[in-house]
Structure formats: structure tokens, C-alpha cells
Amino acid sequence: MNESERLAKLRHDLANPLAALLAETQLLIMDSGGLPAEAVASLREIEQLAIRMRTLLREG
């Protein structure tokens, strides 16, 4: 396996758990009525960082 193929496999292997992380985080944000403000802020930060990682994987 050459370097390009390894990189493509790594992107794919990272994309799946990242998609799950992003989806679960967004579900928690949607149903965050009973959560403390700090928890919601943390979830939003996780969401933004996951989106950033997804963008990096797609651009690479």
C-alpha cells in the first residue's frame, strides 16, 4: 500500500467515528433544555471542532 492509499484509508477510518461524534453531539444540543449552560457551551465547542476536522478530512 502506497502513501496515497494509506492516507485515503486513514481519512475513511477517521470519518466514520467523527460522523457519529458529530451526530450525537448535535442530538444532545437539540435536546439540551435541561443541561447547564456550561455543558451546552462545551457541546457547541465539540460540534465546531468536529466540523473543522470533517472539513480537514474532506479537503485533504
C-alpha atoms as a PDB file:
ATOM      1  CA  MET A   1       0.000   0.000   0.000  1.00  0.00           C
ATOM      2  CA  ASN A   2       1.494   3.321  -1.030  1.00  0.00           C
ATOM      3  CA  GLU A   3       1.322   6.558   0.929  1.00  0.00           C
ATOM      4  CA  SER A   4      -1.661   7.903  -1.025  1.00  0.00           C
ATOM      5  CA  GLU A   5      -3.649   4.736  -0.359  1.00  0.00           C
ATOM      6  CA  ARG A   6      -2.750   4.797   3.347  1.00  0.00           C
ATOM      7  CA  LEU A   7      -3.877   8.412   3.581  1.00  0.00           C
ATOM      8  CA  ALA A   8      -7.186   7.615   1.861  1.00  0.00           C
ATOM      9  CA  LYS A   9      -7.753   4.708   4.254  1.00  0.00           C
ATOM     10  CA  LEU A  10      -6.922   6.892   7.248  1.00  0.00           C
ATOM     11  CA  ARG A  11      -9.398   9.546   6.057  1.00  0.00           C
ATOM     12  CA  HIS A  12     -12.091   6.927   5.687  1.00  0.00           C
ATOM     13  CA  ASP A  13     -11.319   5.318   9.049  1.00  0.00           C
ATOM     14  CA  LEU A  14     -11.483   8.696  10.806  1.00  0.00           C
ATOM     15  CA  ALA A  15     -14.600   9.902   9.001  1.00  0.00           C
ATOM     16  CA  ASN A  16     -16.916   7.202  10.373  1.00  0.00           C
ATOM     17  CA  PRO A  17     -16.387   7.764  14.116  1.00  0.00           C
ATOM     18  CA  LEU A  18     -16.214  11.507  13.510  1.00  0.00           C
ATOM     19  CA  ALA A  19     -19.645  11.437  11.845  1.00  0.00           C
ATOM     20  CA  ALA A  20     -21.063   9.543  14.828  1.00  0.00           C
ATOM     21  CA  LEU A  21     -19.487  12.001  17.273  1.00  0.00           C
ATOM     22  CA  LEU A  22     -20.907  14.958  15.376  1.00  0.00           C
ATOM     23  CA  ALA A  23     -24.381  13.424  15.076  1.00  0.00           C
ATOM     24  CA  GLU A  24     -24.593  12.536  18.777  1.00  0.00           C
ATOM     25  CA  THR A  25     -23.326  15.962  19.783  1.00  0.00           C
ATOM     26  CA  GLN A  26     -25.900  17.672  17.602  1.00  0.00           C
ATOM     27  CA  LEU A  27     -28.671  15.497  19.042  1.00  0.00           C
ATOM     28  CA  LEU A  28     -27.607  16.473  22.553  1.00  0.00           C
ATOM     29  CA  ILE A  29     -27.598  20.149  21.576  1.00  0.00           C
ATOM     30  CA  MET A  30     -31.097  19.836  20.117  1.00  0.00           C
ATOM     31  CA  ASP A  31     -32.364  18.339  23.391  1.00  0.00           C
ATOM     32  CA  SER A  32     -30.283  20.438  25.779  1.00  0.00           C
ATOM     33  CA  GLY A  33     -33.139  22.158  27.633  1.00  0.00           C
ATOM     34  CA  GLY A  34     -32.244  20.645  31.000  1.00  0.00           C
ATOM     35  CA  LEU A  35     -28.480  20.937  30.701  1.00  0.00           C
ATOM     36  CA  PRO A  36     -26.388  23.612  32.426  1.00  0.00           C
ATOM     37  CA  ALA A  37     -25.177  26.452  30.181  1.00  0.00           C
ATOM     38  CA  GLU A  38     -21.553  25.276  30.558  1.00  0.00           C
ATOM     39  CA  ALA A  39     -22.472  21.836  29.244  1.00  0.00           C
ATOM     40  CA  VAL A  40     -24.265  23.302  26.231  1.00  0.00           C
ATOM     41  CA  ALA A  41     -21.280  25.565  25.532  1.00  0.00           C
ATOM     42  CA  SER A  42     -18.985  22.528  25.676  1.00  0.00           C
ATOM     43  CA  LEU A  43     -21.229  20.609  23.295  1.00  0.00           C
ATOM     44  CA  ARG A  44     -21.196  23.512  20.857  1.00  0.00           C
ATOM     45  CA  GLU A  45     -17.398  23.614  21.009  1.00  0.00           C
ATOM     46  CA  ILE A  46     -17.219  19.872  20.347  1.00  0.00           C
ATOM     47  CA  GLU A  47     -19.583  20.368  17.414  1.00  0.00           C
ATOM     48  CA  GLN A  48     -17.458  23.155  15.916  1.00  0.00           C
ATOM     49  CA  LEU A  49     -14.232  21.185  16.337  1.00  0.00           C
ATOM     50  CA  ALA A  50     -15.791  18.084  14.759  1.00  0.00           C
ATOM     51  CA  ILE A  51     -16.989  20.167  11.805  1.00  0.00           C
ATOM     52  CA  ARG A  52     -13.474  21.584  11.458  1.00  0.00           C
ATOM     53  CA  MET A  53     -11.982  18.079  11.500  1.00  0.00           C
ATOM     54  CA  ARG A  54     -14.525  16.904   8.913  1.00  0.00           C
ATOM     55  CA  THR A  55     -13.570  19.826   6.666  1.00  0.00           C
ATOM     56  CA  LEU A  56      -9.876  18.981   7.009  1.00  0.00           C
ATOM     57  CA  LEU A  57     -10.537  15.368   6.081  1.00  0.00           C
ATOM     58  CA  ARG A  58     -12.592  16.365   3.041  1.00  0.00           C
ATOM     59  CA  GLU A  59     -10.043  18.919   1.801  1.00  0.00           C
ATOM     60  CA  GLY A  60      -7.057  16.637   2.268  1.00  0.00           C
END
